[in-house]
C-alpha atoms as a PDB file:
ATOM      1  CA  MET A   1     -15.806  25.485  25.605  1.00  0.00           C
ATOM      2  CA  LEU A   2     -12.151  25.313  24.620  1.00  0.00           C
ATOM      3  CA  ALA A   3     -11.355  22.522  25.937  1.00  0.00           C
ATOM      4  CA  LEU A   4     -14.673  20.732  24.415  1.00  0.00           C
ATOM      5  CA  ALA A   5     -13.387  22.160  20.887  1.00  0.00           C
ATOM      6  CA  LEU A   6     -10.010  19.902  21.710  1.00  0.00           C
ATOM      7  CA  LEU A   7     -12.639  17.142  22.451  1.00  0.00           C
ATOM      8  CA  LEU A   8     -14.685  17.154  19.475  1.00  0.00           C
ATOM      9  CA  ALA A   9     -10.997  17.609  17.384  1.00  0.00           C
ATOM     10  CA  GLY A  10      -9.266  14.885  18.829  1.00  0.00           C
ATOM     11  CA  GLY A  11     -12.809  12.479  18.043  1.00  0.00           C
ATOM     12  CA  ALA A  12     -12.621  13.355  14.374  1.00  0.00           C
ATOM     13  CA  ALA A  13      -9.346  12.019  14.164  1.00  0.00           C
ATOM     14  CA  THR A  14      -9.639   8.816  15.890  1.00  0.00           C
ATOM     15  CA  GLY A  15     -11.848   6.073  15.123  1.00  0.00           C
ATOM     16  CA  CYS A  16     -14.464   3.598  17.766  1.00  0.00           C
ATOM     17  CA  GLY A  17     -11.112   2.404  19.007  1.00  0.00           C
ATOM     18  CA  GLY A  18      -8.954   5.463  18.898  1.00  0.00           C
ATOM     19  CA  ARG A  19      -7.227   4.433  15.812  1.00  0.00           C
ATOM     20  CA  ALA A  20      -6.600   6.892  13.464  1.00  0.00           C
ATOM     21  CA  THR A  21      -9.189   6.371  10.381  1.00  0.00           C
ATOM     22  CA  THR A  22      -9.548   7.437   6.870  1.00  0.00           C
ATOM     23  CA  HIS A  23     -10.767  11.056   5.449  1.00  0.00           C
ATOM     24  CA  HIS A  24     -12.288   9.607   2.408  1.00  0.00           C
ATOM     25  CA  LYS A  25     -16.248   8.820   1.140  1.00  0.00           C
ATOM     26  CA  PRO A  26     -17.324   6.069  -0.663  1.00  0.00           C
ATOM     27  CA  GLY A  27     -16.512   6.912  -4.233  1.00  0.00           C
ATOM     28  CA  THR A  28     -14.040   9.936  -3.951  1.00  0.00           C
ATOM     29  CA  SER A  29     -10.229   9.833  -4.634  1.00  0.00           C
ATOM     30  CA  HIS A  30      -7.519  10.226  -2.536  1.00  0.00           C
ATOM     31  CA  GLU A  31      -7.106  13.807  -4.500  1.00  0.00           C
ATOM     32  CA  GLN A  32     -10.571  14.625  -3.115  1.00  0.00           C
ATOM     33  CA  ALA A  33      -9.544  13.951   0.434  1.00  0.00           C
ATOM     34  CA  SER A  34      -6.188  16.087   0.261  1.00  0.00           C
ATOM     35  CA  GLY A  35      -4.707  18.321   2.534  1.00  0.00           C
ATOM     36  CA  SER A  36      -3.116  21.367   1.413  1.00  0.00           C
ATOM     37  CA  VAL A  37       0.587  20.796   1.857  1.00  0.00           C
ATOM     38  CA  GLY A  38       2.520  22.048  -0.483  1.00  0.00           C
ATOM     39  CA  THR A  39       1.644  22.810  -3.769  1.00  0.00           C
ATOM     40  CA  LEU A  40      -0.732  19.759  -6.093  1.00  0.00           C
ATOM     41  CA  LEU A  41       0.469  19.444  -9.491  1.00  0.00           C
ATOM     42  CA  THR A  42      -1.286  18.253 -12.541  1.00  0.00           C
ATOM     43  CA  ALA A  43       1.842  16.124 -13.583  1.00  0.00           C
ATOM     44  CA  THR A  44       2.233  12.448 -11.791  1.00  0.00           C
ATOM     45  CA  ASP A  45       5.192  10.106 -11.468  1.00  0.00           C
ATOM     46  CA  ALA A  46       5.176   7.151 -14.125  1.00  0.00           C
ATOM     47  CA  THR A  47       2.686   5.784 -11.368  1.00  0.00           C
ATOM     48  CA  GLY A  48       0.165   7.574 -11.766  1.00  0.00           C
ATOM     49  CA  HIS A  49       0.171   9.644  -8.550  1.00  0.00           C
ATOM     50  CA  ARG A  50       0.169  13.291  -8.702  1.00  0.00           C
ATOM     51  CA  LEU A  51       2.825  15.197  -6.854  1.00  0.00           C
ATOM     52  CA  ARG A  52       2.906  17.174  -5.011  1.00  0.00           C
ATOM     53  CA  GLU A  53       5.826  19.865  -4.800  1.00  0.00           C
ATOM     54  CA  VAL A  54       7.649  21.126  -2.043  1.00  0.00           C
ATOM     55  CA  PRO A  55      10.028  23.172  -1.316  1.00  0.00           C
ATOM     56  CA  ALA A  56      14.011  21.536  -1.405  1.00  0.00           C
ATOM     57  CA  GLN A  57      14.824  23.242   1.970  1.00  0.00           C
ATOM     58  CA  GLY A  58      13.230  20.550   4.358  1.00  0.00           C
ATOM     59  CA  ALA A  59      11.822  18.446   1.860  1.00  0.00           C
ATOM     60  CA  PRO A  60      11.286  14.707   2.271  1.00  0.00           C
ATOM     61  CA  GLU A  61      14.742  12.978   1.494  1.00  0.00           C
ATOM     62  CA  VAL A  62      14.948   9.206   1.122  1.00  0.00           C
ATOM     63  CA  GLN A  63      18.646   6.969   0.056  1.00  0.00           C
ATOM     64  CA  LEU A  64      18.290   2.748  -0.300  1.00  0.00           C
ATOM     65  CA  THR A  65      21.106   0.416   0.888  1.00  0.00           C
ATOM     66  CA  VAL A  66      20.532  -3.185  -0.374  1.00  0.00           C
ATOM     67  CA  ARG A  67      22.441  -5.584   1.082  1.00  0.00           C
ATOM     68  CA  PRO A  68      22.285  -9.396   0.727  1.00  0.00           C
ATOM     69  CA  ASP A  69      20.265 -11.627   3.469  1.00  0.00           C
ATOM     70  CA  SER A  70      22.217 -14.646   4.740  1.00  0.00           C
ATOM     71  CA  GLU A  71      18.826 -16.836   4.294  1.00  0.00           C
ATOM     72  CA  ASP A  72      17.223 -15.550   1.191  1.00  0.00           C
ATOM     73  CA  GLY A  73      16.956 -12.471  -0.958  1.00  0.00           C
ATOM     74  CA  TRP A  74      18.403  -9.102   0.272  1.00  0.00           C
ATOM     75  CA  ASN A  75      17.722  -6.814   3.101  1.00  0.00           C
ATOM     76  CA  LEU A  76      16.449  -3.091   1.967  1.00  0.00           C
ATOM     77  CA  GLN A  77      17.102   0.268   4.402  1.00  0.00           C
ATOM     78  CA  LEU A  78      15.628   3.269   3.845  1.00  0.00           C
ATOM     79  CA  ALA A  79      17.384   6.164   5.224  1.00  0.00           C
ATOM     80  CA  VAL A  80      15.032   9.251   5.010  1.00  0.00           C
ATOM     81  CA  LYS A  81      14.777  13.025   6.259  1.00  0.00           C
ATOM     82  CA  ASN A  82      12.622  15.351   7.246  1.00  0.00           C
ATOM     83  CA  TYR A  83      10.106  11.773   6.942  1.00  0.00           C
ATOM     84  CA  ARG A  84       8.370  10.042   9.154  1.00  0.00           C
ATOM     85  CA  PHE A  85       6.524   6.908   8.245  1.00  0.00           C
ATOM     86  CA  THR A  86       2.655   6.928   9.392  1.00  0.00           C
ATOM     87  CA  PRO A  87       0.881   3.396   8.508  1.00  0.00           C
ATOM     88  CA  ASP A  88      -1.971   3.844  10.465  1.00  0.00           C
ATOM     89  CA  SER A  89      -2.575   7.545   8.882  1.00  0.00           C
ATOM     90  CA  THR A  90      -2.563   6.039   5.324  1.00  0.00           C
ATOM     91  CA  GLY A  91      -5.635   7.183   3.264  1.00  0.00           C
ATOM     92  CA  GLY A  92      -5.763  10.535   5.326  1.00  0.00           C
ATOM     93  CA  ALA A  93      -4.724  14.228   4.003  1.00  0.00           C
ATOM     94  CA  ALA A  94      -1.487  14.566   3.486  1.00  0.00           C
ATOM     95  CA  LEU A  95       0.805  15.929   6.448  1.00  0.00           C
ATOM     96  CA  PRO A  96       4.086  17.826   5.810  1.00  0.00           C
ATOM     97  CA  GLY A  97       7.363  15.307   6.533  1.00  0.00           C
ATOM     98  CA  ALA A  98       4.636  11.921   6.553  1.00  0.00           C
ATOM     99  CA  GLY A  99       3.488   8.835   4.481  1.00  0.00           C
ATOM    100  CA  HIS A 100       4.809   5.498   2.993  1.00  0.00           C
ATOM    101  CA  ALA A 101       7.417   4.540   0.030  1.00  0.00           C
ATOM    102  CA  HIS A 102       6.838   2.495  -2.972  1.00  0.00           C
ATOM    103  CA  LEU A 103       9.150   0.211  -3.752  1.00  0.00           C
ATOM    104  CA  GLU A 104       9.460  -0.266  -7.474  1.00  0.00           C
ATOM    105  CA  LEU A 105      12.110  -3.120  -9.542  1.00  0.00           C
ATOM    106  CA  ASP A 106      12.660  -2.043 -13.121  1.00  0.00           C
ATOM    107  CA  GLY A 107       9.749   0.094 -12.818  1.00  0.00           C
ATOM    108  CA  ARG A 108       7.218  -2.440 -12.279  1.00  0.00           C
ATOM    109  CA  LYS A 109       5.535  -1.848  -8.246  1.00  0.00           C
ATOM    110  CA  LEU A 110       6.698  -4.639  -5.550  1.00  0.00           C
ATOM    111  CA  ALA A 111       5.228  -3.264  -2.449  1.00  0.00           C
ATOM    112  CA  ARG A 112       4.149  -0.640  -0.456  1.00  0.00           C
ATOM    113  CA  LEU A 113       6.880  -0.095   2.763  1.00  0.00           C
ATOM    114  CA  TYR A 114       5.327   1.236   6.108  1.00  0.00           C
ATOM    115  CA  GLY A 115       8.874   1.617   7.441  1.00  0.00           C
ATOM    116  CA  PRO A 116      12.711   2.043   7.221  1.00  0.00           C
ATOM    117  CA  TRP A 117      13.513  -1.852   6.603  1.00  0.00           C
ATOM    118  CA  PHE A 118      12.185  -4.511   3.768  1.00  0.00           C
ATOM    119  CA  HIS A 119      12.702  -7.977   3.606  1.00  0.00           C
ATOM    120  CA  LEU A 120      13.434  -9.129  -0.782  1.00  0.00           C
ATOM    121  CA  PRO A 121      12.669 -12.655  -1.391  1.00  0.00           C
ATOM    122  CA  ALA A 122      14.925 -13.925  -4.358  1.00  0.00           C
ATOM    123  CA  ALA A 123      11.416 -15.582  -5.803  1.00  0.00           C
ATOM    124  CA  GLN A 124      10.873 -11.765  -6.829  1.00  0.00           C
ATOM    125  CA  VAL A 125      13.041 -11.324  -8.731  1.00  0.00           C
ATOM    126  CA  PRO A 126      14.442 -12.556 -11.627  1.00  0.00           C
ATOM    127  CA  GLU A 127      17.999 -13.459 -12.833  1.00  0.00           C
ATOM    128  CA  GLY A 128      20.206 -10.439 -13.913  1.00  0.00           C
ATOM    129  CA  ALA A 129      20.685  -7.209 -13.629  1.00  0.00           C
ATOM    130  CA  HIS A 130      17.724  -4.608 -11.904  1.00  0.00           C
ATOM    131  CA  THR A 131      17.308  -0.913 -10.317  1.00  0.00           C
ATOM    132  CA  LEU A 132      15.157  -0.809  -7.277  1.00  0.00           C
ATOM    133  CA  THR A 133      13.666   2.826  -7.164  1.00  0.00           C
ATOM    134  CA  VAL A 134      12.036   3.512  -3.214  1.00  0.00           C
ATOM    135  CA  ARG A 135       9.738   6.595  -3.859  1.00  0.00           C
ATOM    136  CA  LEU A 136       8.040   8.639  -0.763  1.00  0.00           C
ATOM    137  CA  TYR A 137       4.188   9.176  -0.614  1.00  0.00           C
ATOM    138  CA  ALA A 138       2.321  11.344   1.086  1.00  0.00           C
ATOM    139  CA  ASP A 139      -0.775   9.723   2.875  1.00  0.00           C
ATOM    140  CA  ASP A 140      -3.375  10.899   0.423  1.00  0.00           C
ATOM    141  CA  HIS A 141      -1.023   8.796  -2.283  1.00  0.00           C
ATOM    142  CA  THR A 142       0.118  11.911  -4.052  1.00  0.00           C
ATOM    143  CA  ALA A 143       3.570  11.529  -4.427  1.00  0.00           C
ATOM    144  CA  TRP A 144       6.268  13.946  -2.575  1.00  0.00           C
ATOM    145  CA  ALA A 145       7.943  16.140  -5.228  1.00  0.00           C
ATOM    146  CA  VAL A 146      10.932  19.134  -5.222  1.00  0.00           C
ATOM    147  CA  SER A 147      11.287  21.033  -8.879  1.00  0.00           C
ATOM    148  CA  GLY A 148       9.138  19.014 -10.413  1.00  0.00           C
ATOM    149  CA  LYS A 149      10.697  15.746 -10.064  1.00  0.00           C
ATOM    150  CA  PRO A 150       9.329  12.459  -7.098  1.00  0.00           C
ATOM    151  CA  VAL A 151      11.216  12.292  -4.153  1.00  0.00           C
ATOM    152  CA  GLU A 152      12.955   8.668  -4.894  1.00  0.00           C
ATOM    153  CA  GLY A 153      16.202   6.545  -3.935  1.00  0.00           C
ATOM    154  CA  THR A 154      17.376   3.744  -6.451  1.00  0.00           C
ATOM    155  CA  ALA A 155      20.081   1.800  -6.121  1.00  0.00           C
ATOM    156  CA  GLN A 156      21.544  -1.132  -8.634  1.00  0.00           C
ATOM    157  CA  LEU A 157      20.734  -4.872  -7.645  1.00  0.00           C
ATOM    158  CA  THR A 158      22.286  -8.190  -9.186  1.00  0.00           C
ATOM    159  CA  ALA A 159      20.073 -12.047  -8.982  1.00  0.00           C
ATOM    160  CA  THR A 160      22.505 -14.844  -9.879  1.00  0.00           C
ATOM    161  CA  ALA A 161      21.546 -18.125 -11.020  1.00  0.00           C
ATOM    162  CA  ALA A 162      19.690 -20.603  -9.240  1.00  0.00           C
ATOM    163  CA  VAL A 163      23.043 -23.232  -7.998  1.00  0.00           C
ATOM    164  CA  PRO A 164      21.485 -27.268  -7.498  1.00  0.00           C
ATOM    165  CA  GLY A 165      21.796 -28.249  -4.241  1.00  0.00           C
ATOM    166  CA  GLY A 166      21.699 -25.142  -2.325  1.00  0.00           C
ATOM    167  CA  PRO A 167      19.286 -23.641   0.050  1.00  0.00           C
ATOM    168  CA  ASP A 168      15.440 -23.358  -0.725  1.00  0.00           C
ATOM    169  CA  GLY A 169      17.143 -24.205  -4.206  1.00  0.00           C
ATOM    170  CA  HIS A 170      19.539 -20.963  -4.823  1.00  0.00           C
ATOM    171  CA  THR A 171      22.200 -19.224  -3.865  1.00  0.00           C
ATOM    172  CA  HIS A 172      22.442 -16.728  -0.706  1.00  0.00           C
ATOM    173  CA  GLY A 173      21.041 -13.121  -2.635  1.00  0.00           C
ATOM    174  CA  GLY A 174      20.354 -15.083  -5.657  1.00  0.00           C
ATOM    175  CA  SER A 175      17.666 -15.504  -7.468  1.00  0.00           C
ATOM    176  CA  PRO A 176      15.080 -18.538  -9.233  1.00  0.00           C
ATOM    177  CA  SER A 177      12.334 -18.298 -11.430  1.00  0.00           C
ATOM    178  CA  PRO A 178       9.913 -16.243 -10.621  1.00  0.00           C
ATOM    179  CA  ALA A 179       6.511 -18.351  -8.519  1.00  0.00           C
ATOM    180  CA  PRO A 180       4.201 -19.441 -10.669  1.00  0.00           C
ATOM    181  CA  THR A 181       0.833 -16.704 -11.098  1.00  0.00           C
ATOM    182  CA  SER A 182      -1.457 -19.459  -9.983  1.00  0.00           C
ATOM    183  CA  ASP A 183      -0.138 -19.119  -7.088  1.00  0.00           C
ATOM    184  CA  PRO A 184      -1.826 -17.874  -3.939  1.00  0.00           C
ATOM    185  CA  ALA A 185      -0.936 -14.394  -3.161  1.00  0.00           C
ATOM    186  CA  PRO A 186       0.587 -14.301   0.543  1.00  0.00           C
ATOM    187  CA  THR A 187      -2.245 -11.988   1.565  1.00  0.00           C
ATOM    188  CA  SER A 188      -5.133 -14.038   0.627  1.00  0.00           C
ATOM    189  CA  ALA A 189      -7.020 -16.086   3.182  1.00  0.00           C
ATOM    190  CA  PRO A 190      -9.231 -19.302   3.148  1.00  0.00           C
ATOM    191  CA  ALA A 191     -11.988 -19.806   1.080  1.00  0.00           C
ATOM    192  CA  PRO A 192     -15.382 -17.474   1.779  1.00  0.00           C
ATOM    193  CA  GLU A 193     -17.245 -20.404   3.100  1.00  0.00           C
ATOM    194  CA  GLN A 194     -15.381 -19.642   6.340  1.00  0.00           C
ATOM    195  CA  ALA A 195     -16.274 -16.723   6.421  1.00  0.00           C
ATOM    196  CA  ASP A 196     -19.166 -14.859   8.516  1.00  0.00           C
ATOM    197  CA  ARG A 197     -19.727 -12.199   5.685  1.00  0.00           C
ATOM    198  CA  THR A 198     -18.985 -12.356   2.107  1.00  0.00           C
ATOM    199  CA  VAL A 199     -18.830  -9.055   0.223  1.00  0.00           C
ATOM    200  CA  THR A 200     -19.058  -9.353  -3.452  1.00  0.00           C
ATOM    201  CA  ILE A 201     -17.686  -5.966  -5.420  1.00  0.00           C
ATOM    202  CA  THR A 202     -16.672  -5.355  -9.151  1.00  0.00           C
ATOM    203  CA  VAL A 203     -14.793  -3.084 -10.358  1.00  0.00           C
ATOM    204  CA  ARG A 204     -15.077  -2.209 -14.525  1.00  0.00           C
ATOM    205  CA  ASP A 205     -13.884   0.854 -17.025  1.00  0.00           C
ATOM    206  CA  GLY A 206     -12.686   2.269 -13.323  1.00  0.00           C
ATOM    207  CA  LYS A 207     -16.112   2.325 -11.341  1.00  0.00           C
ATOM    208  CA  VAL A 208     -17.632   0.236  -8.635  1.00  0.00           C
ATOM    209  CA  SER A 209     -20.581  -2.371  -8.540  1.00  0.00           C
ATOM    210  CA  PRO A 210     -22.341  -2.083  -6.341  1.00  0.00           C
ATOM    211  CA  ALA A 211     -22.198   1.537  -5.473  1.00  0.00           C
ATOM    212  CA  PRO A 212     -19.187   1.670  -2.553  1.00  0.00           C
ATOM    213  CA  ALA A 213     -21.108   0.947   0.953  1.00  0.00           C
ATOM    214  CA  ARG A 214     -20.061   0.547   4.202  1.00  0.00           C
ATOM    215  CA  THR A 215     -20.379  -3.320   5.319  1.00  0.00           C
ATOM    216  CA  GLU A 216     -20.933  -3.078   9.039  1.00  0.00           C
ATOM    217  CA  LEU A 217     -19.528  -5.557  11.461  1.00  0.00           C
ATOM    218  CA  ARG A 218     -18.955  -7.017  14.566  1.00  0.00           C
ATOM    219  CA  ARG A 219     -15.908  -7.379  16.412  1.00  0.00           C
ATOM    220  CA  GLY A 220     -14.572 -10.396  16.203  1.00  0.00           C
ATOM    221  CA  GLU A 221     -16.080 -11.424  12.985  1.00  0.00           C
ATOM    222  CA  ARG A 222     -14.749 -13.061   9.964  1.00  0.00           C
ATOM    223  CA  VAL A 223     -14.878 -10.638   6.148  1.00  0.00           C
ATOM    224  CA  ALA A 224     -14.511 -12.095   3.184  1.00  0.00           C
ATOM    225  CA  LEU A 225     -13.523  -9.144   0.357  1.00  0.00           C
ATOM    226  CA  ARG A 226     -14.346 -10.940  -3.021  1.00  0.00           C
ATOM    227  CA  VAL A 227     -12.989  -8.775  -5.710  1.00  0.00           C
ATOM    228  CA  THR A 228     -12.966  -9.479  -9.939  1.00  0.00           C
ATOM    229  CA  SER A 229     -11.245  -6.108 -11.492  1.00  0.00           C
ATOM    230  CA  ASP A 230     -10.587  -5.495 -15.304  1.00  0.00           C
ATOM    231  CA  ARG A 231      -7.135  -4.586 -14.993  1.00  0.00           C
ATOM    232  CA  ALA A 232      -4.783  -6.326 -12.556  1.00  0.00           C
ATOM    233  CA  ASP A 233      -4.238  -4.014 -10.054  1.00  0.00           C
ATOM    234  CA  THR A 234      -3.722  -4.217  -6.057  1.00  0.00           C
ATOM    235  CA  LEU A 235      -6.514  -4.411  -3.103  1.00  0.00           C
ATOM    236  CA  HIS A 236      -5.564  -2.819   0.266  1.00  0.00           C
ATOM    237  CA  VAL A 237      -7.021  -2.631   3.722  1.00  0.00           C
ATOM    238  CA  HIS A 238      -6.331   0.323   5.808  1.00  0.00           C
ATOM    239  CA  GLY A 239      -6.320   0.072   9.277  1.00  0.00           C
ATOM    240  CA  TYR A 240      -5.150  -3.603   9.229  1.00  0.00           C
ATOM    241  CA  ASP A 241      -2.395  -3.904   6.304  1.00  0.00           C
ATOM    242  CA  LYS A 242      -3.778  -6.069   4.328  1.00  0.00           C
ATOM    243  CA  GLU A 243      -2.741  -6.716   0.619  1.00  0.00           C
ATOM    244  CA  LEU A 244      -4.446  -8.554  -2.093  1.00  0.00           C
ATOM    245  CA  ALA A 245      -2.946  -9.106  -5.411  1.00  0.00           C
ATOM    246  CA  LEU A 246      -6.363  -8.597  -7.945  1.00  0.00           C
ATOM    247  CA  PRO A 247      -4.852 -10.072 -11.415  1.00  0.00           C
ATOM    248  CA  ALA A 248      -6.945  -8.858 -14.326  1.00  0.00           C
ATOM    249  CA  GLY A 249     -10.752 -10.758 -15.122  1.00  0.00           C
ATOM    250  CA  GLN A 250     -10.271 -12.869 -11.936  1.00  0.00           C
ATOM    251  CA  GLU A 251     -11.666 -13.262  -8.997  1.00  0.00           C
ATOM    252  CA  ALA A 252      -9.192 -12.856  -5.502  1.00  0.00           C
ATOM    253  CA  THR A 253     -10.477 -13.418  -2.268  1.00  0.00           C
ATOM    254  CA  LEU A 254      -9.423 -11.936   0.944  1.00  0.00           C
ATOM    255  CA  ILE A 255     -10.749 -12.567   4.424  1.00  0.00           C
ATOM    256  CA  LEU A 256     -10.010 -10.903   7.467  1.00  0.00           C
ATOM    257  CA  THR A 257     -11.297 -11.778  10.953  1.00  0.00           C
ATOM    258  CA  ALA A 258     -12.380  -7.786  11.626  1.00  0.00           C
ATOM    259  CA  ASP A 259     -10.768  -7.510  15.345  1.00  0.00           C
ATOM    260  CA  ARG A 260      -9.952  -3.785  15.290  1.00  0.00           C
ATOM    261  CA  THR A 261     -12.986  -1.597  15.766  1.00  0.00           C
ATOM    262  CA  GLY A 262     -13.511   1.682  13.691  1.00  0.00           C
ATOM    263  CA  LEU A 263     -13.818   2.573   9.931  1.00  0.00           C
ATOM    264  CA  PHE A 264     -11.340   1.331   7.724  1.00  0.00           C
ATOM    265  CA  GLU A 265     -11.583   1.931   3.863  1.00  0.00           C
ATOM    266  CA  VAL A 266     -10.786  -1.652   1.613  1.00  0.00           C
ATOM    267  CA  GLU A 267      -9.528   0.245  -2.196  1.00  0.00           C
ATOM    268  CA  THR A 268      -7.443  -0.005  -4.727  1.00  0.00           C
ATOM    269  CA  HIS A 269      -4.124   1.103  -5.521  1.00  0.00           C
ATOM    270  CA  GLU A 270      -3.281   1.626  -8.773  1.00  0.00           C
ATOM    271  CA  SER A 271      -6.868   3.230  -9.783  1.00  0.00           C
ATOM    272  CA  ASN A 272      -7.477   4.665  -6.834  1.00  0.00           C
ATOM    273  CA  LEU A 273     -10.923   3.409  -6.112  1.00  0.00           C
ATOM    274  CA  VAL A 274     -12.889   3.027  -2.777  1.00  0.00           C
ATOM    275  CA  LEU A 275     -14.438  -0.223  -2.566  1.00  0.00           C
ATOM    276  CA  THR A 276     -16.217  -0.131   0.398  1.00  0.00           C
ATOM    277  CA  GLN A 277     -15.666   0.692   3.943  1.00  0.00           C
ATOM    278  CA  LEU A 278     -15.724  -1.139   7.280  1.00  0.00           C
ATOM    279  CA  LEU A 279     -17.480  -0.325   9.854  1.00  0.00           C
ATOM    280  CA  VAL A 280     -16.104  -2.373  13.192  1.00  0.00           C
ATOM    281  CA  ARG A 281     -17.987  -1.822  15.830  1.00  0.00           C
END
């Protein structure tokens, strides 16, 4: 009986392909899937994520170091203590000393980080002095906190003006003007007609239409996610680590090949909404 219970517990933690799955049900928030680690506070960080208070002794810690890259931009190193990055379980319940990080430039979110190193291109940093912040989060997207303050690290960065004739039109560690917003996002994919399946989703006033449900796919199929949000946000596909910027009021499309079996959630970062679940067999 004990062996059977262990097998069942193990099966609940992984998907059909042996990968960790998330614990959300369609239409639920991160906090509703939250674990019992620490104390979930009503207070939030600057981006609206609730704080998860833990004792100072043994709490996660992070320090941020910024080094110019010899080719372009900067290389960022996150030195963490009492903490590990767990990209495979992002979206699940909070586990002690585990999760991911957010990178912010002057309070504006740039990326979600799943490891200790990150390359920041010069094109993403306007000329001038800036403050970079990395903040540690649990798998359920609550922010780890000590004494009511988020666990984070900061570093200063100064981007210099572009030098005509320099490599790629800028100096090493310098910064040209940010790329036009009309450029396709790095994580976007080919046009929807190249996909086997198309899922069209609208987000308005915090509600998802049609109501979140499961999208069943065969392994190897290509699915196009066409999303229109009434506010600027970021789409994220758990398990595949695919992201797509969602401009306010504009349709954005992400195409991915379902080459991993299991149950994977598609959600928004800022509004914490589950858009659909991809069930790949």
